[in-house]
């Protein structure tokens, strides 16, 4: 997808997947036995995020964000400048998108 001139590529996933990833990452670094109160608060917060509905009372999807897993961010040439586990952005900021996989050209440019 194109976001204000920056290309973001990867696997489109649900916001719930992103929240599960965040919860697992944060809680795996915070041991419950070290501080059960903080661990419990963070766990409850993320569980409430996972429970947020994606369909409203009129059976209309509520789509505010787009989440990309195994994201590659291209700022200029054909090789990614940044690779990250997840990327999330506002759907309204997306200027365009493509479907399919990108192929990178490993041939050096002609001089």
Protein backbone atom coordinates (compact mmCIF):
# COMPACT_ATOMS: atom_id res chain seq x y z
CA UNK A 1 0.00 0.00 0.00
CA UNK A 2 1.05 3.56 -0.57
CA UNK A 3 0.92 5.83 2.48
CA UNK A 4 1.85 9.44 1.67
CA UNK A 5 4.51 8.29 -0.81
CA UNK A 6 5.90 5.48 1.33
CA UNK A 7 5.35 1.90 0.21
CA UNK A 8 4.37 -0.58 2.96
CA UNK A 9 4.26 -4.25 2.03
CA UNK A 10 3.39 -7.39 3.98
CA UNK A 11 0.50 -9.60 5.01
CA UNK A 12 -2.79 -7.86 5.76
CA UNK A 13 -4.12 -9.03 9.15
CA UNK A 14 -6.83 -8.00 11.59
CA UNK A 15 -6.39 -5.42 14.32
CA UNK A 16 -7.09 -8.28 16.77
CA UNK A 17 -3.91 -10.04 15.56
CA UNK A 18 -1.96 -6.85 16.21
CA UNK A 19 -3.39 -6.56 19.73
CA UNK A 20 -2.56 -10.22 20.47
CA UNK A 21 1.02 -9.63 19.30
CA UNK A 22 1.36 -6.56 21.55
CA UNK A 23 -0.14 -8.36 24.53
CA UNK A 24 2.15 -11.36 24.10
CA UNK A 25 5.25 -9.16 23.61
CA UNK A 26 4.58 -6.97 26.64
CA UNK A 27 3.49 -9.77 28.94
CA UNK A 28 6.35 -12.07 27.97
CA UNK A 29 8.76 -9.37 29.15
CA UNK A 30 6.85 -8.79 32.38
CA UNK A 31 6.70 -11.80 34.65
CA UNK A 32 3.47 -12.20 36.59
CA UNK A 33 5.33 -13.28 39.73
CA UNK A 34 7.48 -10.11 39.70
CA UNK A 35 4.53 -7.72 39.79
CA UNK A 36 1.14 -9.45 39.62
CA UNK A 37 -0.84 -6.20 39.83
CA UNK A 38 0.87 -4.56 36.84
CA UNK A 39 0.80 -7.84 34.86
CA UNK A 40 -2.93 -8.24 35.54
CA UNK A 41 -3.73 -4.63 34.57
CA UNK A 42 -1.88 -4.90 31.25
CA UNK A 43 -3.47 -8.28 30.51
CA UNK A 44 -6.98 -6.93 31.22
CA UNK A 45 -6.37 -3.84 29.07
CA UNK A 46 -5.33 -5.89 26.07
CA UNK A 47 -8.15 -8.38 26.55
CA UNK A 48 -10.62 -5.48 26.43
CA UNK A 49 -8.99 -4.26 23.19
CA UNK A 50 -9.36 -7.73 21.68
CA UNK A 51 -13.07 -7.67 22.57
CA UNK A 52 -13.80 -4.43 20.67
CA UNK A 53 -16.36 -5.26 17.97
CA UNK A 54 -15.44 -4.97 14.29
CA UNK A 55 -19.08 -4.96 13.15
CA UNK A 56 -21.61 -2.40 14.38
CA UNK A 57 -25.30 -2.89 15.18
CA UNK A 58 -26.18 -2.43 11.47
CA UNK A 59 -23.83 -5.26 10.41
CA UNK A 60 -21.43 -2.71 8.93
CA UNK A 61 -17.69 -3.26 9.31
CA UNK A 62 -15.94 -0.71 11.49
CA UNK A 63 -12.67 -0.19 9.64
CA UNK A 64 -10.44 2.55 11.02
CA UNK A 65 -7.01 0.94 10.89
CA UNK A 66 -5.05 -1.32 8.60
CA UNK A 67 -2.53 -3.79 10.05
CA UNK A 68 0.35 -5.40 8.18
CA UNK A 69 2.31 -8.37 9.57
CA UNK A 70 5.96 -8.88 8.57
CA UNK A 71 5.93 -5.35 7.19
CA UNK A 72 8.57 -4.05 4.83
CA UNK A 73 8.78 -0.31 4.37
CA UNK A 74 10.25 1.05 1.15
CA UNK A 75 11.29 4.68 1.12
CA UNK A 76 13.17 4.72 -2.17
CA UNK A 77 14.66 1.88 -4.27
CA UNK A 78 13.72 -1.78 -4.63
CA UNK A 79 15.05 -3.01 -1.27
CA UNK A 80 13.18 -2.42 1.99
CA UNK A 81 14.59 0.27 4.24
CA UNK A 82 12.87 -1.15 7.33
CA UNK A 83 11.45 -4.59 8.20
CA UNK A 84 9.28 -4.88 11.31
CA UNK A 85 6.96 -7.55 12.79
CA UNK A 86 3.81 -5.37 12.57
CA UNK A 87 2.78 -2.03 11.11
CA UNK A 88 -0.51 -0.29 11.87
CA UNK A 89 -1.86 2.87 10.27
CA UNK A 90 -5.04 4.86 9.80
CA UNK A 91 -7.06 3.60 6.86
CA UNK A 92 -7.80 7.21 5.87
CA UNK A 93 -4.04 7.78 5.34
CA UNK A 94 -3.74 5.07 2.68
CA UNK A 95 -3.46 6.58 -0.80
CA UNK A 96 -3.47 3.29 -2.73
CA UNK A 97 -2.87 -0.43 -2.45
CA UNK A 98 -1.95 -3.49 -4.45
CA UNK A 99 -2.81 -7.16 -4.12
CA UNK A 100 -0.15 -9.82 -4.48
CA UNK A 101 3.50 -10.17 -3.61
CA UNK A 102 6.29 -7.82 -4.53
CA UNK A 103 9.33 -9.15 -6.27
CA UNK A 104 12.61 -7.40 -5.66
CA UNK A 105 15.06 -7.09 -8.51
CA UNK A 106 18.48 -8.36 -7.48
CA UNK A 107 20.09 -7.26 -10.76
CA UNK A 108 22.44 -4.31 -10.27
CA UNK A 109 21.46 -1.18 -12.20
CA UNK A 110 23.17 -0.46 -15.52
CA UNK A 111 25.58 2.43 -15.38
